[in-house]
PDB file of all heavy atoms in Angstrom:
ATOM      1  N   GLU A   1     112.616 111.981  94.919  1.00  0.00           N
ATOM      2  CA  GLU A   1     112.863 112.334  96.270  1.00  0.00           C
ATOM      3  C   GLU A   1     111.553 112.364  97.154  1.00  0.00           C
ATOM      4  O   GLU A   1     111.527 111.958  98.222  1.00  0.00           O
ATOM      5  CB  GLU A   1     113.592 113.668  96.365  1.00  0.00           C
ATOM      6  CG  GLU A   1     114.352 113.951  97.586  1.00  0.00           C
ATOM      7  CD  GLU A   1     115.155 115.182  97.436  1.00  0.00           C
ATOM      8  OE1 GLU A   1     114.571 116.295  97.149  1.00  0.00           O
ATOM      9  OE2 GLU A   1     116.401 115.146  97.734  1.00  0.00           O
ATOM     10  N   GLY A   2     110.544 112.924  96.479  1.00  0.00           N
ATOM     11  CA  GLY A   2     109.278 113.141  97.073  1.00  0.00           C
ATOM     12  C   GLY A   2     108.631 111.784  97.416  1.00  0.00           C
ATOM     13  O   GLY A   2     108.128 111.523  98.555  1.00  0.00           O
ATOM     14  N   THR A   3     108.688 110.807  96.504  1.00  0.00           N
ATOM     15  CA  THR A   3     108.145 109.512  96.732  1.00  0.00           C
ATOM     16  C   THR A   3     108.846 108.736  97.790  1.00  0.00           C
ATOM     17  O   THR A   3     108.206 108.099  98.681  1.00  0.00           O
ATOM     18  CB  THR A   3     108.195 108.724  95.402  1.00  0.00           C
ATOM     19  OG1 THR A   3     107.551 109.426  94.345  1.00  0.00           O
ATOM     20  CG2 THR A   3     107.528 107.352  95.555  1.00  0.00           C
ATOM     21  N   SER A   4     110.063 108.830  97.826  1.00  0.00           N
ATOM     22  CA  SER A   4     110.871 108.197  98.816  1.00  0.00           C
ATOM     23  C   SER A   4     110.645 108.788 100.247  1.00  0.00           C
ATOM     24  O   SER A   4     110.357 108.082 101.181  1.00  0.00           O
ATOM     25  CB  SER A   4     112.400 108.357  98.533  1.00  0.00           C
ATOM     26  OG  SER A   4     113.194 107.814  99.541  1.00  0.00           O
ATOM     27  N   LEU A   5     110.593 110.126 100.308  1.00  0.00           N
ATOM     28  CA  LEU A   5     110.267 110.818 101.535  1.00  0.00           C
ATOM     29  C   LEU A   5     108.890 110.483 102.070  1.00  0.00           C
ATOM     30  O   LEU A   5     108.745 110.394 103.292  1.00  0.00           O
ATOM     31  CB  LEU A   5     110.529 112.269 101.419  1.00  0.00           C
ATOM     32  CG  LEU A   5     111.918 112.719 101.459  1.00  0.00           C
ATOM     33  CD1 LEU A   5     112.056 114.206 101.171  1.00  0.00           C
ATOM     34  CD2 LEU A   5     112.634 112.422 102.729  1.00  0.00           C
ATOM     35  N   LEU A   6     107.951 110.467 101.195  1.00  0.00           N
ATOM     36  CA  LEU A   6     106.553 110.146 101.553  1.00  0.00           C
ATOM     37  C   LEU A   6     106.532 108.845 102.295  1.00  0.00           C
ATOM     38  O   LEU A   6     105.840 108.682 103.280  1.00  0.00           O
ATOM     39  CB  LEU A   6     105.632 110.175 100.336  1.00  0.00           C
ATOM     40  CG  LEU A   6     105.080 111.560  99.887  1.00  0.00           C
ATOM     41  CD1 LEU A   6     104.344 111.359  98.632  1.00  0.00           C
ATOM     42  CD2 LEU A   6     104.206 112.099 101.006  1.00  0.00           C
ATOM     43  N   GLY A   7     107.160 107.776 101.667  1.00  0.00           N
ATOM     44  CA  GLY A   7     107.156 106.490 102.339  1.00  0.00           C
ATOM     45  C   GLY A   7     107.778 106.535 103.728  1.00  0.00           C
ATOM     46  O   GLY A   7     107.333 105.932 104.627  1.00  0.00           O
ATOM     47  N   ASP A   8     108.981 107.176 103.721  1.00  0.00           N
ATOM     48  CA  ASP A   8     109.676 107.275 105.008  1.00  0.00           C
ATOM     49  C   ASP A   8     108.897 108.017 106.119  1.00  0.00           C
ATOM     50  O   ASP A   8     108.827 107.544 107.250  1.00  0.00           O
ATOM     51  CB  ASP A   8     111.059 107.934 104.832  1.00  0.00           C
ATOM     52  CG  ASP A   8     111.963 107.037 104.004  1.00  0.00           C
ATOM     53  OD1 ASP A   8     111.731 105.847 103.743  1.00  0.00           O
ATOM     54  OD2 ASP A   8     113.015 107.634 103.517  1.00  0.00           O
ATOM     55  N   PHE A   9     108.392 109.164 105.671  1.00  0.00           N
ATOM     56  CA  PHE A   9     107.566 109.958 106.618  1.00  0.00           C
ATOM     57  C   PHE A   9     106.336 109.222 107.103  1.00  0.00           C
ATOM     58  O   PHE A   9     105.948 109.261 108.273  1.00  0.00           O
ATOM     59  CB  PHE A   9     107.208 111.269 106.034  1.00  0.00           C
ATOM     60  CG  PHE A   9     108.345 112.344 105.964  1.00  0.00           C
ATOM     61  CD1 PHE A   9     109.625 112.037 106.246  1.00  0.00           C
ATOM     62  CD2 PHE A   9     107.972 113.623 105.696  1.00  0.00           C
ATOM     63  CE1 PHE A   9     110.603 112.974 106.221  1.00  0.00           C
ATOM     64  CE2 PHE A   9     108.955 114.618 105.634  1.00  0.00           C
ATOM     65  CZ  PHE A   9     110.358 114.234 105.934  1.00  0.00           C
ATOM     66  N   GLU A  10     105.743 108.531 106.180  1.00  0.00           N
ATOM     67  CA  GLU A  10     104.514 107.807 106.583  1.00  0.00           C
ATOM     68  C   GLU A  10     104.778 106.693 107.565  1.00  0.00           C
ATOM     69  O   GLU A  10     104.038 106.500 108.540  1.00  0.00           O
ATOM     70  CB  GLU A  10     103.729 107.241 105.330  1.00  0.00           C
ATOM     71  CG  GLU A  10     102.379 106.552 105.663  1.00  0.00           C
ATOM     72  CD  GLU A  10     101.659 106.136 104.412  1.00  0.00           C
ATOM     73  OE1 GLU A  10     102.064 106.473 103.286  1.00  0.00           O
ATOM     74  OE2 GLU A  10     100.690 105.343 104.532  1.00  0.00           O
ATOM     75  N   GLU A  11     105.883 105.978 107.298  1.00  0.00           N
ATOM     76  CA  GLU A  11     106.271 104.877 108.168  1.00  0.00           C
ATOM     77  C   GLU A  11     106.561 105.415 109.571  1.00  0.00           C
ATOM     78  O   GLU A  11     106.101 104.859 110.630  1.00  0.00           O
ATOM     79  CB  GLU A  11     107.497 104.128 107.655  1.00  0.00           C
ATOM     80  CG  GLU A  11     108.001 103.055 108.397  1.00  0.00           C
ATOM     81  CD  GLU A  11     109.248 102.407 107.751  1.00  0.00           C
ATOM     82  OE1 GLU A  11     109.458 102.543 106.543  1.00  0.00           O
ATOM     83  OE2 GLU A  11     109.926 101.726 108.459  1.00  0.00           O
ATOM     84  N   GLU A  12     107.294 106.526 109.628  1.00  0.00           N
ATOM     85  CA  GLU A  12     107.584 107.089 110.982  1.00  0.00           C
ATOM     86  C   GLU A  12     106.380 107.604 111.637  1.00  0.00           C
ATOM     87  O   GLU A  12     106.194 107.500 112.849  1.00  0.00           O
ATOM     88  CB  GLU A  12     108.713 108.169 110.815  1.00  0.00           C
ATOM     89  CG  GLU A  12     109.140 108.734 112.034  1.00  0.00           C
ATOM     90  CD  GLU A  12     109.865 107.753 113.009  1.00  0.00           C
ATOM     91  OE1 GLU A  12     110.498 106.752 112.451  1.00  0.00           O
ATOM     92  OE2 GLU A  12     109.886 108.004 114.191  1.00  0.00           O
ATOM     93  N   TYR A  13     105.458 108.217 110.832  1.00  0.00           N
ATOM     94  CA  TYR A  13     104.209 108.780 111.384  1.00  0.00           C
ATOM     95  C   TYR A  13     103.407 107.624 112.022  1.00  0.00           C
ATOM     96  O   TYR A  13     102.958 107.780 113.166  1.00  0.00           O
ATOM     97  CB  TYR A  13     103.362 109.402 110.290  1.00  0.00           C
ATOM     98  CG  TYR A  13     102.003 109.793 110.678  1.00  0.00           C
ATOM     99  CD1 TYR A  13     101.778 111.037 111.320  1.00  0.00           C
ATOM    100  CD2 TYR A  13     100.919 108.946 110.663  1.00  0.00           C
ATOM    101  CE1 TYR A  13     100.533 111.451 111.774  1.00  0.00           C
ATOM    102  CE2 TYR A  13      99.713 109.265 110.997  1.00  0.00           C
ATOM    103  CZ  TYR A  13      99.440 110.527 111.620  1.00  0.00           C
ATOM    104  OH  TYR A  13      98.213 110.839 112.067  1.00  0.00           O
ATOM    105  N   ARG A  14     103.204 106.565 111.362  1.00  0.00           N
ATOM    106  CA  ARG A  14     102.517 105.412 111.920  1.00  0.00           C
ATOM    107  C   ARG A  14     103.170 104.898 113.244  1.00  0.00           C
ATOM    108  O   ARG A  14     102.442 104.673 114.235  1.00  0.00           O
ATOM    109  CB  ARG A  14     102.405 104.281 110.964  1.00  0.00           C
ATOM    110  CG  ARG A  14     101.486 104.575 109.818  1.00  0.00           C
ATOM    111  CD  ARG A  14     101.540 103.531 108.736  1.00  0.00           C
ATOM    112  NE  ARG A  14     100.810 103.881 107.525  1.00  0.00           N
ATOM    113  CZ  ARG A  14      99.650 103.438 107.214  1.00  0.00           C
ATOM    114  NH1 ARG A  14      99.146 102.460 107.923  1.00  0.00           N
ATOM    115  NH2 ARG A  14      99.012 103.862 106.150  1.00  0.00           N
ATOM    116  N   LYS A  15     104.498 104.795 113.216  1.00  0.00           N
ATOM    117  CA  LYS A  15     105.146 104.315 114.365  1.00  0.00           C
ATOM    118  C   LYS A  15     104.967 105.303 115.591  1.00  0.00           C
ATOM    119  O   LYS A  15     104.584 104.839 116.725  1.00  0.00           O
ATOM    120  CB  LYS A  15     106.685 104.233 114.101  1.00  0.00           C
ATOM    121  CG  LYS A  15     107.513 103.863 115.246  1.00  0.00           C
ATOM    122  CD  LYS A  15     109.000 103.856 114.859  1.00  0.00           C
ATOM    123  CE  LYS A  15     109.824 103.889 116.111  1.00  0.00           C
ATOM    124  NZ  LYS A  15     111.230 104.334 115.776  1.00  0.00           N
ATOM    125  N   ARG A  16     105.110 106.568 115.335  1.00  0.00           N
ATOM    126  CA  ARG A  16     104.798 107.590 116.389  1.00  0.00           C
ATOM    127  C   ARG A  16     103.377 107.595 116.839  1.00  0.00           C
ATOM    128  O   ARG A  16     103.124 107.842 118.035  1.00  0.00           O
ATOM    129  CB  ARG A  16     105.244 108.982 115.943  1.00  0.00           C
ATOM    130  CG  ARG A  16     106.812 109.078 115.811  1.00  0.00           C
ATOM    131  CD  ARG A  16     107.167 110.406 115.281  1.00  0.00           C
ATOM    132  NE  ARG A  16     108.641 110.517 115.148  1.00  0.00           N
ATOM    133  CZ  ARG A  16     109.398 110.993 116.060  1.00  0.00           C
ATOM    134  NH1 ARG A  16     108.890 111.557 117.196  1.00  0.00           N
ATOM    135  NH2 ARG A  16     110.699 111.053 115.986  1.00  0.00           N
ATOM    136  N   ALA A  17     102.452 107.418 115.917  1.00  0.00           N
ATOM    137  CA  ALA A  17     101.037 107.400 116.249  1.00  0.00           C
ATOM    138  C   ALA A  17     100.707 106.218 117.149  1.00  0.00           C
ATOM    139  O   ALA A  17      99.862 106.330 118.102  1.00  0.00           O
ATOM    140  CB  ALA A  17     100.135 107.465 115.034  1.00  0.00           C
ATOM    141  N   GLU A  18     101.331 105.053 116.878  1.00  0.00           N
ATOM    142  CA  GLU A  18     101.038 103.844 117.685  1.00  0.00           C
ATOM    143  C   GLU A  18     101.621 104.076 119.130  1.00  0.00           C
ATOM    144  O   GLU A  18     101.109 103.598 120.058  1.00  0.00           O
ATOM    145  CB  GLU A  18     101.555 102.656 116.962  1.00  0.00           C
ATOM    146  CG  GLU A  18     100.759 102.233 115.755  1.00  0.00           C
ATOM    147  CD  GLU A  18     101.435 101.116 114.953  1.00  0.00           C
ATOM    148  OE1 GLU A  18     102.578 100.730 115.274  1.00  0.00           O
ATOM    149  OE2 GLU A  18     100.814 100.658 113.980  1.00  0.00           O
ATOM    150  N   GLU A  19     102.851 104.615 119.110  1.00  0.00           N
ATOM    151  CA  GLU A  19     103.576 104.722 120.351  1.00  0.00           C
ATOM    152  C   GLU A  19     103.013 105.858 121.283  1.00  0.00           C
ATOM    153  O   GLU A  19     103.026 105.689 122.608  1.00  0.00           O
ATOM    154  CB  GLU A  19     105.044 104.994 120.134  1.00  0.00           C
ATOM    155  CG  GLU A  19     105.730 103.738 119.580  1.00  0.00           C
ATOM    156  CD  GLU A  19     107.217 104.052 119.279  1.00  0.00           C
ATOM    157  OE1 GLU A  19     107.612 105.165 119.372  1.00  0.00           O
ATOM    158  OE2 GLU A  19     107.917 103.100 118.785  1.00  0.00           O
ATOM    159  N   SER A  20     102.577 106.932 120.704  1.00  0.00           N
ATOM    160  CA  SER A  20     102.144 108.058 121.567  1.00  0.00           C
ATOM    161  C   SER A  20     100.690 108.455 121.177  1.00  0.00           C
ATOM    162  O   SER A  20      99.809 107.796 121.647  1.00  0.00           O
ATOM    163  CB  SER A  20     103.104 109.223 121.387  1.00  0.00           C
ATOM    164  OG  SER A  20     103.194 109.579 120.046  1.00  0.00           O
ATOM    165  N   SER A  21     100.523 109.427 120.296  1.00  0.00           N
ATOM    166  CA  SER A  21      99.272 109.822 119.849  1.00  0.00           C
ATOM    167  C   SER A  21      99.270 110.381 118.398  1.00  0.00           C
ATOM    168  O   SER A  21     100.377 110.720 117.885  1.00  0.00           O
ATOM    169  CB  SER A  21      98.675 110.940 120.758  1.00  0.00           C
ATOM    170  OG  SER A  21      99.499 112.236 120.532  1.00  0.00           O
ATOM    171  N   CYS A  22      98.164 110.415 117.842  1.00  0.00           N
ATOM    172  CA  CYS A  22      98.090 110.883 116.451  1.00  0.00           C
ATOM    173  C   CYS A  22      98.409 112.354 116.362  1.00  0.00           C
ATOM    174  O   CYS A  22      99.025 112.805 115.388  1.00  0.00           O
ATOM    175  CB  CYS A  22      96.646 110.693 115.892  1.00  0.00           C
ATOM    176  SG  CYS A  22      96.367 108.945 115.516  1.00  0.00           S
ATOM    177  N   LEU A  23      98.075 113.138 117.447  1.00  0.00           N
ATOM    178  CA  LEU A  23      98.427 114.573 117.348  1.00  0.00           C
ATOM    179  C   LEU A  23      99.899 114.784 117.465  1.00  0.00           C
ATOM    180  O   LEU A  23     100.426 115.553 116.675  1.00  0.00           O
ATOM    181  CB  LEU A  23      97.758 115.268 118.614  1.00  0.00           C
ATOM    182  CG  LEU A  23      98.135 116.716 118.833  1.00  0.00           C
ATOM    183  CD1 LEU A  23      97.679 117.542 117.645  1.00  0.00           C
ATOM    184  CD2 LEU A  23      97.506 117.318 120.149  1.00  0.00           C
ATOM    185  N   GLN A  24     100.602 114.066 118.290  1.00  0.00           N
ATOM    186  CA  GLN A  24     102.076 114.184 118.352  1.00  0.00           C
ATOM    187  C   GLN A  24     102.739 113.668 117.060  1.00  0.00           C
ATOM    188  O   GLN A  24     103.690 114.285 116.579  1.00  0.00           O
ATOM    189  CB  GLN A  24     102.652 113.339 119.500  1.00  0.00           C
ATOM    190  CG  GLN A  24     102.320 114.033 120.882  1.00  0.00           C
ATOM    191  CD  GLN A  24     102.906 113.232 122.015  1.00  0.00           C
ATOM    192  OE1 GLN A  24     103.199 112.038 121.870  1.00  0.00           O
ATOM    193  NE2 GLN A  24     103.082 113.862 123.148  1.00  0.00           N
ATOM    194  N   ALA A  25     102.172 112.667 116.401  1.00  0.00           N
ATOM    195  CA  ALA A  25     102.653 112.139 115.150  1.00  0.00           C
ATOM    196  C   ALA A  25     102.431 113.266 114.084  1.00  0.00           C
ATOM    197  O   ALA A  25     103.373 113.475 113.231  1.00  0.00           O
ATOM    198  CB  ALA A  25     102.029 110.784 114.769  1.00  0.00           C
ATOM    199  N   ALA A  26     101.270 113.896 114.069  1.00  0.00           N
ATOM    200  CA  ALA A  26     100.980 114.924 113.093  1.00  0.00           C
ATOM    201  C   ALA A  26     101.878 116.130 113.266  1.00  0.00           C
ATOM    202  O   ALA A  26     102.374 116.729 112.256  1.00  0.00           O
ATOM    203  CB  ALA A  26      99.469 115.321 113.154  1.00  0.00           C
ATOM    204  N   LEU A  27     102.124 116.553 114.466  1.00  0.00           N
ATOM    205  CA  LEU A  27     103.042 117.646 114.713  1.00  0.00           C
ATOM    206  C   LEU A  27     104.433 117.293 114.245  1.00  0.00           C
ATOM    207  O   LEU A  27     105.142 118.180 113.675  1.00  0.00           O
ATOM    208  CB  LEU A  27     103.062 117.974 116.258  1.00  0.00           C
ATOM    209  CG  LEU A  27     101.799 118.617 116.737  1.00  0.00           C
ATOM    210  CD1 LEU A  27     101.898 118.758 118.260  1.00  0.00           C
ATOM    211  CD2 LEU A  27     101.505 120.003 116.117  1.00  0.00           C
ATOM    212  N   TRP A  28     104.890 116.111 114.493  1.00  0.00           N
ATOM    213  CA  TRP A  28     106.183 115.631 114.023  1.00  0.00           C
ATOM    214  C   TRP A  28     106.193 115.758 112.511  1.00  0.00           C
ATOM    215  O   TRP A  28     107.159 116.172 111.946  1.00  0.00           O
ATOM    216  CB  TRP A  28     106.480 114.203 114.486  1.00  0.00           C
ATOM    217  CG  TRP A  28     107.755 113.672 113.833  1.00  0.00           C
ATOM    218  CD1 TRP A  28     108.978 113.822 114.335  1.00  0.00           C
ATOM    219  CD2 TRP A  28     107.826 112.948 112.689  1.00  0.00           C
ATOM    220  NE1 TRP A  28     109.878 113.261 113.487  1.00  0.00           N
ATOM    221  CE2 TRP A  28     109.193 112.710 112.435  1.00  0.00           C
ATOM    222  CE3 TRP A  28     106.946 112.517 111.764  1.00  0.00           C
ATOM    223  CZ2 TRP A  28     109.681 111.982 111.382  1.00  0.00           C
ATOM    224  CZ3 TRP A  28     107.424 111.797 110.650  1.00  0.00           C
ATOM    225  CH2 TRP A  28     108.790 111.608 110.492  1.00  0.00           C
ATOM    226  N   TYR A  29     105.219 115.264 111.951  1.00  0.00           N
ATOM    227  CA  TYR A  29     105.056 115.187 110.299  1.00  0.00           C
ATOM    228  C   TYR A  29     105.219 116.620 109.858  1.00  0.00           C
ATOM    229  O   TYR A  29     106.008 116.810 108.889  1.00  0.00           O
ATOM    230  CB  TYR A  29     103.796 114.564 109.999  1.00  0.00           C
ATOM    231  CG  TYR A  29     103.673 114.057 108.574  1.00  0.00           C
ATOM    232  CD1 TYR A  29     104.076 112.795 108.236  1.00  0.00           C
ATOM    233  CD2 TYR A  29     103.223 114.888 107.568  1.00  0.00           C
ATOM    234  CE1 TYR A  29     103.952 112.265 106.992  1.00  0.00           C
ATOM    235  CE2 TYR A  29     103.160 114.422 106.242  1.00  0.00           C
ATOM    236  CZ  TYR A  29     103.539 113.098 105.954  1.00  0.00           C
ATOM    237  OH  TYR A  29     103.423 112.664 104.688  1.00  0.00           O
ATOM    238  N   TRP A  30     104.480 117.547 110.340  1.00  0.00           N
ATOM    239  CA  TRP A  30     104.457 118.898 109.927  1.00  0.00           C
ATOM    240  C   TRP A  30     105.833 119.547 110.168  1.00  0.00           C
ATOM    241  O   TRP A  30     106.389 120.298 109.348  1.00  0.00           O
ATOM    242  CB  TRP A  30     103.449 119.747 110.593  1.00  0.00           C
ATOM    243  CG  TRP A  30     102.110 119.645 109.913  1.00  0.00           C
ATOM    244  CD1 TRP A  30     100.972 118.969 110.342  1.00  0.00           C
ATOM    245  CD2 TRP A  30     101.764 120.233 108.678  1.00  0.00           C
ATOM    246  NE1 TRP A  30     100.004 119.079 109.472  1.00  0.00           N
ATOM    247  CE2 TRP A  30     100.428 119.896 108.337  1.00  0.00           C
ATOM    248  CE3 TRP A  30     102.390 120.989 107.709  1.00  0.00           C
ATOM    249  CZ2 TRP A  30      99.751 120.225 107.238  1.00  0.00           C
ATOM    250  CZ3 TRP A  30     101.724 121.410 106.588  1.00  0.00           C
ATOM    251  CH2 TRP A  30     100.503 121.034 106.374  1.00  0.00           C
ATOM    252  N   TRP A  31     106.437 119.178 111.286  1.00  0.00           N
ATOM    253  CA  TRP A  31     107.734 119.782 111.696  1.00  0.00           C
ATOM    254  C   TRP A  31     108.804 119.280 110.577  1.00  0.00           C
ATOM    255  O   TRP A  31     109.611 120.088 110.115  1.00  0.00           O
ATOM    256  CB  TRP A  31     108.220 119.317 113.122  1.00  0.00           C
ATOM    257  CG  TRP A  31     109.584 119.736 113.379  1.00  0.00           C
ATOM    258  CD1 TRP A  31     110.695 118.966 113.456  1.00  0.00           C
ATOM    259  CD2 TRP A  31     110.041 121.079 113.772  1.00  0.00           C
ATOM    260  NE1 TRP A  31     111.748 119.671 113.792  1.00  0.00           N
ATOM    261  CE2 TRP A  31     111.356 120.952 113.954  1.00  0.00           C
ATOM    262  CE3 TRP A  31     109.327 122.280 113.858  1.00  0.00           C
ATOM    263  CZ2 TRP A  31     112.107 122.080 114.349  1.00  0.00           C
ATOM    264  CZ3 TRP A  31     110.107 123.383 114.254  1.00  0.00           C
ATOM    265  CH2 TRP A  31     111.483 123.269 114.483  1.00  0.00           C
ATOM    266  N   GLN A  32     108.768 118.033 110.233  1.00  0.00           N
ATOM    267  CA  GLN A  32     109.726 117.473 109.315  1.00  0.00           C
ATOM    268  C   GLN A  32     109.541 118.142 107.970  1.00  0.00           C
ATOM    269  O   GLN A  32     110.506 118.428 107.214  1.00  0.00           O
ATOM    270  CB  GLN A  32     109.552 116.005 109.159  1.00  0.00           C
ATOM    271  CG  GLN A  32     109.965 115.227 110.371  1.00  0.00           C
ATOM    272  CD  GLN A  32     111.330 115.456 110.892  1.00  0.00           C
ATOM    273  OE1 GLN A  32     112.303 115.462 110.037  1.00  0.00           O
ATOM    274  NE2 GLN A  32     111.566 115.822 112.063  1.00  0.00           N
TER     275      GLN A  32
END
């Protein structure tokens, strides 16, 4: 489960970082 989630979270983090900012992506990551 952890390996799968890490991949999914990283993919979404990169998408959010590209669209908005790294700070918002990091906050989203921590929230999840």
